Every structure is written in structure tokens, then in C-alpha cells.
Amino acid sequence: MVDRRTFSPRAGDIKRDWYIVDADGLTLGRLASVIAQVLRGKNKPTYAPHMDMGDFVIVVNAERIQVTGNKETEKFYYKHSGYPGGLRATMLRDVRARFPERILKSAVKGMLPRNTLGEAQLSKLKVYAGSDHPHAAQQPKPLPL
């Protein structure tokens, strides 16, 4: 008799790997979509949409990530204080100058679910502006792009 039950992973079945990406010269949106898939675990055959199956991703050289077109001056990041007239808009080039990690982190965040599962998946993303990172003990493998 053939066993036709659907496989549903348990918390003990999850094996998390560590990947590292050098963002130098890579395009923002294309890199963010690959990272979002790995954080969700969609690159694994045991993917389940209701569980956090993803791996850890370390991104170095985030300050050297590329954008196409005129996004450097025409793309804005918005935040609101909650008070009337409290909308603040910041250009991409200004965000890159002060907080280069936020550019990639916000792009990946927009590609993840808007719930606690998405927050848990985003917490596995480690972004660093320079080429140094404190995760050498995890022995990260290069992420195939």
C-alpha cells in the first residue's frame, strides 16, 4: 500500500544554514528578491508557508549596492511621526550616506509577509555596511545567485 499522506514539517525538522552575500555591484531589487526567498525557505523542498523554514543571510558591503535609473535622487523613504504635518521624506542617497544597511533591509522587508512570521524571517537577515561581520563562527557559505 502506498502512503499518500502530505508531509508537514515539525519544528525539529528545520535545519538552518548560514549564507553570505557580497552586495558590491549587485542590483538592489534583484538581490532583495533572492534574499527574501532564502529567508522564507522557498529554496528548500520542505517549504511550508505557515512555518519559518528559512536560513540566515549575512550581507556585507551594503553601502556599495547599485540601483538603476535615477533612483538615487528620485526614490524616497517615508516615515510619519503620527502628528499633523509629521511626514518626513528622505532621498535614497541621504539614507545611503547615513544608514546604508536600511536600503537593503527595507527592500527585503517589503517582500516578506506582514505578520509575526515575517518579523521572525526578517530577524535572520544580518546586513553590514562594510566587509567585516561577526558571524565567522557560523561558517557561512556563499549564497548562489
Protein backbone atom coordinates (compact mmCIF):
# COMPACT_ATOMS: atom_id res chain seq x y z
CA MET A 1 0.00 0.00 0.00
CA VAL A 2 1.25 3.47 -0.91
CA ASP A 3 1.48 6.11 1.83
CA ARG A 4 -0.26 9.21 0.43
CA ARG A 5 -0.08 11.48 3.46
CA THR A 6 1.09 15.03 2.90
CA PHE A 7 4.41 15.87 4.52
CA SER A 8 4.12 18.62 7.10
CA PRO A 9 7.38 19.67 8.74
CA ARG A 10 7.76 19.98 12.50
CA ALA A 11 9.94 22.42 14.40
CA GLY A 12 12.54 19.70 14.97
CA ASP A 13 12.83 19.04 11.22
CA ILE A 14 14.14 22.53 10.44
CA LYS A 15 17.83 22.77 9.58
CA ARG A 16 19.10 26.32 9.23
CA ASP A 17 22.16 27.18 7.16
CA TRP A 18 24.13 30.42 7.08
CA TYR A 19 24.79 32.16 3.77
CA ILE A 20 26.92 35.20 2.98
CA VAL A 21 26.46 37.65 0.10
CA ASP A 22 28.82 40.38 -1.09
CA ALA A 23 26.49 43.15 -2.32
CA ASP A 24 29.25 45.05 -4.12
CA GLY A 25 27.93 45.91 -7.59
CA LEU A 26 24.67 43.93 -7.29
CA THR A 27 21.27 45.46 -8.10
CA LEU A 28 19.07 46.22 -5.09
CA GLY A 29 15.75 44.67 -6.15
CA ARG A 30 17.20 41.54 -7.74
CA LEU A 31 19.33 40.82 -4.70
CA ALA A 32 16.45 41.54 -2.31
CA SER A 33 14.15 39.04 -4.06
CA VAL A 34 16.74 36.25 -3.81
CA ILE A 35 17.38 37.03 -0.14
CA ALA A 36 13.63 37.08 0.63
CA GLN A 37 13.20 33.61 -0.88
CA VAL A 38 16.04 32.21 1.22
CA LEU A 39 14.72 33.87 4.40
CA ARG A 40 11.28 32.33 3.80
CA GLY A 41 12.73 28.91 2.97
CA LYS A 42 11.26 28.71 -0.52
CA ASN A 43 14.54 27.32 -1.82
CA LYS A 44 14.03 24.12 0.21
CA PRO A 45 11.93 21.11 -0.80
CA THR A 46 10.38 21.02 2.69
CA TYR A 47 8.93 24.56 2.43
CA ALA A 48 5.75 25.16 4.40
CA PRO A 49 4.05 28.59 4.21
CA HIS A 50 2.92 28.51 7.85
CA MET A 51 6.40 27.92 9.34
CA ASP A 52 9.68 29.79 9.43
CA MET A 53 11.77 27.39 7.33
CA GLY A 54 14.36 29.91 6.14
CA ASP A 55 18.09 30.23 6.54
CA PHE A 56 20.26 33.03 7.89
CA VAL A 57 21.68 35.51 5.38
CA ILE A 58 24.64 37.81 6.00
CA VAL A 59 25.09 40.71 3.59
CA VAL A 60 28.39 42.61 3.50
CA ASN A 61 29.32 45.77 1.56
CA ALA A 62 25.72 47.05 1.63
CA GLU A 63 26.99 50.58 1.03
CA ARG A 64 28.11 49.55 -2.48
CA ILE A 65 24.78 48.17 -3.68
CA GLN A 66 23.64 49.53 -7.05
CA VAL A 67 20.30 50.97 -8.13
CA THR A 68 19.21 51.54 -11.72
CA GLY A 69 17.94 54.69 -13.36
CA ASN A 70 17.54 57.89 -11.36
CA LYS A 71 16.51 56.19 -8.12
CA GLU A 72 19.44 57.73 -6.26
CA THR A 73 17.64 61.12 -6.32
CA GLU A 74 14.03 60.17 -7.16
CA LYS A 75 13.37 57.31 -4.70
CA PHE A 76 12.16 58.45 -1.27
CA TYR A 77 11.76 56.68 2.06
CA TYR A 78 8.81 57.96 4.09
CA LYS A 79 8.09 57.94 7.80
CA HIS A 80 5.41 59.68 9.82
CA SER A 81 5.60 60.83 13.42
CA GLY A 82 1.87 60.45 13.94
CA TYR A 83 1.33 64.17 14.39
CA PRO A 84 -0.25 66.51 11.83
CA GLY A 85 2.37 67.54 9.32
CA GLY A 86 4.73 64.86 10.61
CA LEU A 87 5.55 63.22 7.27
CA ARG A 88 9.28 63.04 6.56
CA ALA A 89 10.70 62.06 3.18
CA THR A 90 14.36 61.12 2.73
CA MET A 91 16.11 60.54 -0.59
CA LEU A 92 17.89 57.26 -1.24
CA ARG A 93 21.28 58.99 -1.45
CA ASP A 94 20.78 60.52 2.01
CA VAL A 95 19.78 57.18 3.51
CA ARG A 96 22.82 55.57 1.86
CA ALA A 97 25.10 58.21 3.40
CA ARG A 98 23.77 57.79 6.96
CA PHE A 99 22.39 54.23 7.21
CA PRO A 100 23.42 52.10 4.19
CA GLU A 101 22.02 48.92 5.80
CA ARG A 102 18.46 50.27 5.79
CA ILE A 103 18.22 50.34 2.00
CA LEU A 104 18.51 46.58 1.59
CA LYS A 105 16.67 45.76 4.81
CA SER A 106 13.60 47.79 3.80
CA ALA A 107 13.60 46.26 0.30
CA VAL A 108 13.64 42.73 1.74
CA LYS A 109 11.04 43.64 4.37
CA GLY A 110 8.63 44.66 1.62
CA MET A 111 8.89 41.17 0.11
CA LEU A 112 8.09 39.27 3.33
CA PRO A 113 4.69 38.63 4.96
CA ARG A 114 3.26 41.43 7.11
CA ASN A 115 2.81 39.40 10.29
CA THR A 116 4.82 37.84 13.12
CA LEU A 117 6.12 35.18 10.75
CA GLY A 118 7.57 37.89 8.51
CA GLU A 119 9.18 39.58 11.51
CA ALA A 120 10.83 36.31 12.54
CA GLN A 121 12.10 35.78 9.00
CA LEU A 122 13.48 39.33 8.77
CA SER A 123 15.36 38.86 12.04
CA LYS A 124 17.52 36.24 10.29
CA LEU A 125 18.88 38.90 7.92
CA LYS A 126 22.17 40.46 9.03
CA VAL A 127 23.28 43.47 6.96
CA TYR A 128 26.64 45.24 7.33
CA ALA A 129 27.84 48.35 5.50
CA GLY A 130 31.48 47.26 5.33
CA SER A 131 33.19 43.98 4.59
CA ASP A 132 33.53 42.84 8.24
CA HIS A 133 30.93 40.76 10.10
CA PRO A 134 30.91 39.00 13.50
CA HIS A 135 29.47 35.70 12.23
CA ALA A 136 32.63 33.84 11.23
CA ALA A 137 31.92 31.14 13.84
CA GLN A 138 28.79 30.10 11.90
CA GLN A 139 30.93 29.27 8.85
CA PRO A 140 28.64 30.90 6.26
CA LYS A 141 28.59 29.54 2.72
CA PRO A 142 28.37 31.82 -0.33
CA LEU A 143 24.78 32.23 -1.50
CA PRO A 144 24.33 31.05 -5.10
CA LEU A 145 22.74 33.93 -7.01
